[in-house]
Amino acid sequence: MKYLFVKIALGLAALHWGGIVIKWKWLQYLTKPATILALIAFVWRFRPGFVLRGDLNWLVFALLFSLVGDVLLMLPGNLFLPGLVSFLLAHIAYIFALSNALPPFNLPSLIVVLMVAMTSVQIYRRLAAGLENSQERSLKIPVMLYITVLSIMVVLALLTLVSNGWENYRALLLSAGALLFFISDTWLAWDRFVEPLKHHDLRVMISYHLAQICLSLGFLFAP
C-alpha cells in the first residue's frame, strides 16, 4: 500500500498514452492532471502530521506547478508562455529540493557540469535559430532562461550520484527522472520551434510522466 498512489499514477499515465494513440481527447484531458494529482497524494502520505520535510515541501511545490503547467498547455489557445513559466517554477522547486546534499566540487562534478552545459548550449542554439525564423522570436529569452534553470536541475540530480547524502538507488531514480524531463522538454520545444517530430505527443508525454514518477520516487523510495 505504501506505493499505491505511484501505481495509480503509472496506470493513469498509461491511459493517457493510450488516449494519445487512439485520439480520445476527453481521456487525455482527464488523465493528464490526474496523473500528477496521484503523485501529489503519494508525497502527501509521507507528511508527519501536517508538517512536511523540507525537501518534500519543495517536491509538492514542483508537482503543483507542474499540474498548473499541464492544464495550461492542455487548454485551447496559445498558452505556451504561461505554461513555460509554470514549469520554470516547478524546476526551481526541484532545485531547492535537490540542494540539501550537494557533493564537494571535484573532477566528477566538473565533468557533469560541463557535459550538461555543452549539451544545453547546442540545443538552445538550434531552438534560437528556429525561433528567429518564426513569428515567436520574442520567446528567445524566456526559452534561454528555461533551459538554464532546467540544466541546473539536471546537474543537481546527476550530482546525487557522487554525493554521500543520497543512497545509490535514489540517486539513480533522481538522475533518470531529471534526464527524462530534459529529453521531454527538448522534444516539446524541438517539435514546436525546429521541425516536426514523429509521434511527438506520445514521446513527450511518456518521457514526461516517467520523469515525474522517477523524481518523486527518488525522494521517497525505500526498498
Protein backbone atom coordinates (compact mmCIF):
# COMPACT_ATOMS: atom_id res chain seq x y z
CA MET A 1 0.00 0.00 0.00
CA LYS A 2 2.96 2.31 0.50
CA TYR A 3 3.32 2.90 -3.24
CA LEU A 4 -0.36 2.64 -4.13
CA PHE A 5 -0.56 6.18 -5.47
CA VAL A 6 2.56 5.65 -7.60
CA LYS A 7 0.88 2.62 -9.17
CA ILE A 8 -2.25 4.70 -9.71
CA ALA A 9 -0.15 7.46 -11.32
CA LEU A 10 1.53 4.95 -13.62
CA GLY A 11 -1.85 3.49 -14.58
CA LEU A 12 -3.29 6.93 -15.30
CA ALA A 13 -0.20 7.81 -17.34
CA ALA A 14 -0.62 4.63 -19.39
CA LEU A 15 -4.26 5.55 -20.01
CA HIS A 16 -3.11 8.98 -21.15
CA TRP A 17 -0.63 7.43 -23.59
CA GLY A 18 -3.40 5.20 -24.88
CA GLY A 19 -5.65 8.25 -25.27
CA ILE A 20 -2.99 9.84 -27.46
CA VAL A 21 -2.73 6.74 -29.66
CA ILE A 22 -6.50 6.40 -30.17
CA LYS A 23 -7.00 10.19 -30.23
CA TRP A 24 -9.52 10.36 -27.37
CA LYS A 25 -9.12 13.96 -26.23
CA TRP A 26 -11.51 13.56 -23.29
CA LEU A 27 -9.32 10.74 -21.91
CA GLN A 28 -6.20 12.86 -22.31
CA TYR A 29 -7.83 15.83 -20.55
CA LEU A 30 -8.89 13.58 -17.67
CA THR A 31 -5.69 11.59 -17.14
CA LYS A 32 -3.07 14.29 -17.67
CA PRO A 33 -3.79 16.27 -14.48
CA ALA A 34 -4.96 13.15 -12.63
CA THR A 35 -1.50 11.58 -13.01
CA ILE A 36 0.20 14.46 -11.20
CA LEU A 37 -2.56 14.61 -8.59
CA ALA A 38 -1.85 10.95 -7.79
CA LEU A 39 1.85 11.77 -7.30
CA ILE A 40 0.95 14.69 -5.03
CA ALA A 41 -1.18 12.28 -2.97
CA PHE A 42 1.79 9.88 -2.82
CA VAL A 43 4.08 12.58 -1.42
CA TRP A 44 1.41 13.86 0.96
CA ARG A 45 1.12 10.45 2.60
CA PHE A 46 4.65 10.83 3.93
CA ARG A 47 3.94 14.01 5.88
CA PRO A 48 4.44 13.77 9.65
CA GLY A 49 1.19 15.26 10.88
CA PHE A 50 0.67 18.49 8.94
CA VAL A 51 4.37 19.30 8.55
CA LEU A 52 6.41 18.17 5.58
CA ARG A 53 10.13 17.61 5.42
CA GLY A 54 11.99 20.47 3.76
CA ASP A 55 12.70 18.60 0.53
CA LEU A 56 9.14 17.24 0.45
CA ASN A 57 7.75 20.78 0.71
CA TRP A 58 9.66 21.66 -2.45
CA LEU A 59 8.66 18.40 -4.11
CA VAL A 60 4.98 19.22 -3.51
CA PHE A 61 5.51 22.70 -4.96
CA ALA A 62 7.26 21.20 -8.00
CA LEU A 63 4.34 18.86 -8.64
CA LEU A 64 1.75 21.61 -8.07
CA PHE A 65 3.45 23.94 -10.56
CA SER A 66 3.72 21.01 -12.98
CA LEU A 67 0.00 20.41 -12.58
CA VAL A 68 -0.73 24.06 -13.43
CA GLY A 69 1.60 23.84 -16.43
CA ASP A 70 -0.10 20.66 -17.61
CA VAL A 71 -3.52 22.31 -17.52
CA LEU A 72 -2.30 25.47 -19.27
CA LEU A 73 -0.64 23.53 -22.10
CA MET A 74 -3.70 21.32 -22.42
CA LEU A 75 -6.22 24.14 -22.81
CA PRO A 76 -7.11 25.52 -26.24
CA GLY A 77 -5.38 28.72 -27.25
CA ASN A 78 -1.77 29.82 -27.18
CA LEU A 79 -0.87 29.42 -23.51
CA PHE A 80 2.70 28.25 -24.16
CA LEU A 81 4.35 31.13 -22.28
CA PRO A 82 2.24 30.78 -19.09
CA GLY A 83 2.86 27.02 -19.27
CA LEU A 84 6.58 27.68 -19.66
CA VAL A 85 6.56 29.89 -16.56
CA SER A 86 4.71 27.24 -14.55
CA PHE A 87 7.25 24.56 -15.42
CA LEU A 88 10.09 27.03 -14.81
CA LEU A 89 8.78 27.41 -11.25
CA ALA A 90 8.49 23.63 -10.99
CA HIS A 91 12.17 23.22 -11.88
CA ILE A 92 13.15 25.92 -9.38
CA ALA A 93 11.27 23.95 -6.72
CA TYR A 94 13.10 20.78 -7.76
CA ILE A 95 16.39 22.68 -7.49
CA PHE A 96 15.64 23.63 -3.88
CA ALA A 97 14.59 20.05 -3.13
CA LEU A 98 17.86 18.70 -4.57
CA SER A 99 20.17 21.25 -2.96
CA ASN A 100 20.18 19.63 0.50
CA ALA A 101 23.04 17.21 -0.09
CA LEU A 102 25.48 18.65 -2.60
CA PRO A 103 28.86 16.90 -3.01
CA PRO A 104 32.17 18.78 -2.78
CA PHE A 105 33.21 20.35 -6.07
CA ASN A 106 35.64 17.89 -7.68
CA LEU A 107 36.54 16.42 -11.06
CA PRO A 108 33.38 14.27 -11.44
CA SER A 109 31.25 17.29 -10.53
CA LEU A 110 33.08 19.43 -13.09
CA ILE A 111 32.58 16.80 -15.80
CA VAL A 112 28.83 16.65 -15.06
CA VAL A 113 28.54 20.45 -15.21
CA LEU A 114 30.47 20.69 -18.49
CA MET A 115 28.56 17.88 -20.20
CA VAL A 116 25.15 19.30 -19.31
CA ALA A 117 26.23 22.85 -20.17
CA MET A 118 27.61 21.90 -23.59
CA THR A 119 24.51 19.87 -24.43
CA SER A 120 22.19 22.67 -23.34
CA VAL A 121 24.08 25.31 -25.33
CA GLN A 122 23.89 23.23 -28.51
CA ILE A 123 20.18 22.60 -28.06
CA TYR A 124 19.47 26.27 -27.37
CA ARG A 125 21.38 27.33 -30.48
CA ARG A 126 19.09 25.17 -32.62
CA LEU A 127 15.98 26.36 -30.82
CA ALA A 128 17.06 30.00 -31.09
CA ALA A 129 17.60 29.60 -34.83
CA GLY A 130 14.12 28.10 -35.14
CA LEU A 131 12.63 30.95 -33.11
CA GLU A 132 14.43 33.53 -35.23
CA ASN A 133 12.87 32.09 -38.37
CA SER A 134 9.36 32.00 -36.87
CA GLN A 135 6.89 34.51 -35.52
CA GLU A 136 7.89 33.66 -31.93
CA ARG A 137 11.32 35.27 -31.69
CA SER A 138 10.12 37.11 -28.57
CA LEU A 139 10.37 33.75 -26.77
CA LYS A 140 14.15 33.53 -27.18
CA ILE A 141 14.94 34.98 -23.75
CA PRO A 142 12.21 33.01 -21.88
CA VAL A 143 13.36 29.80 -23.58
CA MET A 144 17.00 30.55 -22.73
CA LEU A 145 16.06 31.18 -19.09
CA TYR A 146 14.03 27.98 -19.01
CA ILE A 147 16.84 25.86 -20.44
CA THR A 148 19.29 27.38 -17.95
CA VAL A 149 17.08 26.53 -14.96
CA LEU A 150 16.28 23.06 -16.35
CA SER A 151 20.01 22.41 -16.84
CA ILE A 152 20.76 23.39 -13.24
CA MET A 153 18.10 20.94 -12.08
CA VAL A 154 19.63 18.18 -14.22
CA VAL A 155 23.13 18.94 -12.89
CA LEU A 156 21.96 18.76 -9.27
CA ALA A 157 20.14 15.48 -9.92
CA LEU A 158 23.21 13.95 -11.57
CA LEU A 159 25.43 15.16 -8.74
CA THR A 160 23.46 12.96 -6.33
CA LEU A 161 25.36 10.07 -7.94
CA VAL A 162 28.60 11.37 -6.39
CA SER A 163 27.11 12.67 -3.14
CA ASN A 164 27.21 10.82 0.17
CA GLY A 165 23.83 12.30 1.05
CA TRP A 166 21.86 10.07 -1.35
CA GLU A 167 21.57 6.29 -1.49
CA ASN A 168 22.57 4.81 -4.85
CA TYR A 169 19.08 3.68 -5.83
CA ARG A 170 17.60 7.09 -5.02
CA ALA A 171 20.37 8.88 -6.90
CA LEU A 172 19.72 6.68 -9.95
CA LEU A 173 15.99 7.45 -9.82
CA LEU A 174 16.60 11.18 -9.47
CA SER A 175 19.13 11.20 -12.30
CA ALA A 176 16.86 9.19 -14.57
CA GLY A 177 13.93 11.49 -13.78
CA ALA A 178 15.90 14.66 -14.48
CA LEU A 179 17.29 13.32 -17.76
CA LEU A 180 13.84 12.17 -18.88
CA PHE A 181 12.48 15.65 -18.07
CA PHE A 182 15.28 17.20 -20.12
CA ILE A 183 14.52 14.88 -23.04
CA SER A 184 10.77 15.51 -22.83
CA ASP A 185 11.16 19.30 -22.79
CA THR A 186 13.70 19.17 -25.62
CA TRP A 187 11.33 17.12 -27.79
CA LEU A 188 8.47 19.50 -26.97
CA ALA A 189 10.47 22.60 -27.93
CA TRP A 190 12.11 20.92 -30.94
CA ASP A 191 8.75 19.98 -32.42
CA ARG A 192 7.40 23.48 -31.87
CA PHE A 193 10.38 25.58 -32.95
CA VAL A 194 12.74 23.49 -35.10
CA GLU A 195 10.96 20.72 -37.02
CA PRO A 196 8.01 18.36 -36.52
CA LEU A 197 8.81 15.09 -34.76
CA LYS A 198 7.12 11.79 -35.47
CA HIS A 199 4.82 10.65 -32.64
CA HIS A 200 5.60 13.93 -30.89
CA ASP A 201 2.80 13.92 -28.32
CA LEU A 202 3.35 10.30 -27.33
CA ARG A 203 7.11 10.51 -26.88
CA VAL A 204 6.84 13.80 -24.96
CA MET A 205 4.21 12.51 -22.54
CA ILE A 206 5.81 9.10 -21.93
CA SER A 207 9.15 10.70 -21.04
CA TYR A 208 7.42 13.43 -19.00
CA HIS A 209 5.30 11.08 -16.89
CA LEU A 210 8.20 8.72 -16.26
CA ALA A 211 10.32 11.72 -15.28
CA GLN A 212 7.83 12.87 -12.67
CA ILE A 213 7.40 9.35 -11.30
CA CYS A 214 11.17 8.77 -11.08
CA LEU A 215 11.76 12.12 -9.38
CA SER A 216 9.01 11.51 -6.83
CA LEU A 217 10.33 8.02 -6.07
CA GLY A 218 13.87 9.36 -5.90
CA PHE A 219 12.95 11.43 -2.86
CA LEU A 220 10.81 8.81 -1.12
CA PHE A 221 11.63 5.30 -2.32
CA ALA A 222 12.89 2.85 0.28
CA PRO A 223 13.42 -0.86 -0.55
